[in-house]
Amino acid sequence: MLERITINPEICHGKPTIRNKRYTVESILEYLSGGDSIDSILEEFKDLEKEDILACITFAYQMLKNKTINIIGDEISA
């Protein structure tokens, strides 16, 4: 699934994107965290597939799994 996530310095300033398209993992996660469903994202962006959205979630999970997050008061730092 993670092979769908690509990092190319010439696309979106090297941010992780979906299949070398200009959809960043960050933007897809922002849609999801804002309450959009996978189906609504797919309806809006016809060239994406369900597996692309799931790959974004898996990518985020893998990144967080390997990172320590500190919570101090109301602030979160990595």
Protein backbone atom coordinates (compact mmCIF):
# COMPACT_ATOMS: atom_id res chain seq x y z
CA MET A 1 0.00 0.00 0.00
CA LEU A 2 2.79 2.45 0.81
CA GLU A 3 4.12 2.24 -2.76
CA ARG A 4 1.27 4.60 -3.62
CA ILE A 5 2.97 7.34 -1.60
CA THR A 6 5.77 9.04 -3.50
CA ILE A 7 8.31 11.69 -2.62
CA ASN A 8 9.67 13.65 -5.54
CA PRO A 9 11.55 16.93 -4.96
CA GLU A 10 10.02 18.32 -8.16
CA ILE A 11 6.40 17.73 -7.08
CA CYS A 12 4.87 19.76 -4.24
CA HIS A 13 8.32 20.74 -2.93
CA GLY A 14 9.15 17.15 -2.02
CA LYS A 15 6.18 16.59 0.27
CA PRO A 16 4.74 13.05 0.24
CA THR A 17 2.13 12.79 -2.50
CA ILE A 18 -0.17 10.16 -3.97
CA ARG A 19 1.29 8.40 -7.02
CA ASN A 20 3.34 11.45 -8.11
CA LYS A 21 0.15 13.46 -8.45
CA ARG A 22 -0.23 16.85 -6.81
CA TYR A 23 -2.34 15.48 -3.96
CA THR A 24 -0.30 15.65 -0.79
CA VAL A 25 -0.76 13.19 2.04
CA GLU A 26 -1.13 16.22 4.29
CA SER A 27 -4.08 17.61 2.33
CA ILE A 28 -5.91 14.28 2.24
CA LEU A 29 -5.44 13.90 6.01
CA GLU A 30 -6.72 17.45 6.44
CA TYR A 31 -9.90 16.56 4.55
CA LEU A 32 -10.38 13.46 6.71
CA SER A 33 -9.72 15.30 9.97
CA GLY A 34 -12.19 17.98 8.88
CA GLY A 35 -14.92 15.36 8.69
CA ASP A 36 -14.91 14.46 4.99
CA SER A 37 -15.50 10.79 4.30
CA ILE A 38 -13.38 8.68 1.99
CA ASP A 39 -16.34 8.52 -0.39
CA SER A 40 -16.73 12.30 -0.49
CA ILE A 41 -13.02 12.75 -1.24
CA LEU A 42 -13.25 10.19 -4.04
CA GLU A 43 -16.29 11.97 -5.43
CA GLU A 44 -14.42 15.29 -5.46
CA PHE A 45 -11.17 13.93 -6.92
CA LYS A 46 -12.12 11.42 -9.62
CA ASP A 47 -8.54 10.29 -10.33
CA LEU A 48 -8.00 9.02 -6.78
CA GLU A 49 -8.80 5.51 -5.58
CA LYS A 50 -9.85 4.25 -2.16
CA GLU A 51 -6.44 2.59 -1.78
CA ASP A 52 -4.79 6.01 -2.20
CA ILE A 53 -6.69 7.39 0.79
CA LEU A 54 -5.93 4.29 2.85
CA ALA A 55 -2.25 4.62 1.90
CA CYS A 56 -2.27 8.19 3.30
CA ILE A 57 -3.63 6.93 6.61
CA THR A 58 -1.09 4.09 6.68
CA PHE A 59 1.74 6.50 5.87
CA ALA A 60 0.70 8.82 8.71
CA TYR A 61 0.48 5.89 11.11
CA GLN A 62 3.95 4.67 10.14
CA MET A 63 5.41 8.16 10.60
CA LEU A 64 3.84 8.56 14.05
CA LYS A 65 4.76 5.05 15.11
CA ASN A 66 8.43 5.91 14.69
CA LYS A 67 8.26 9.31 16.36
CA THR A 68 8.19 10.37 20.01
CA ILE A 69 5.57 12.97 20.84
CA ASN A 70 5.88 15.07 23.99
CA ILE A 71 2.89 16.79 25.56
CA ILE A 72 3.74 19.69 27.85
CA GLY A 73 0.74 21.59 29.16
CA ASP A 74 -1.41 22.40 26.13
CA GLU A 75 1.43 22.09 23.60
CA ILE A 76 2.49 19.08 21.58
CA SER A 77 6.01 18.73 20.21
CA ALA A 78 7.71 16.01 18.21
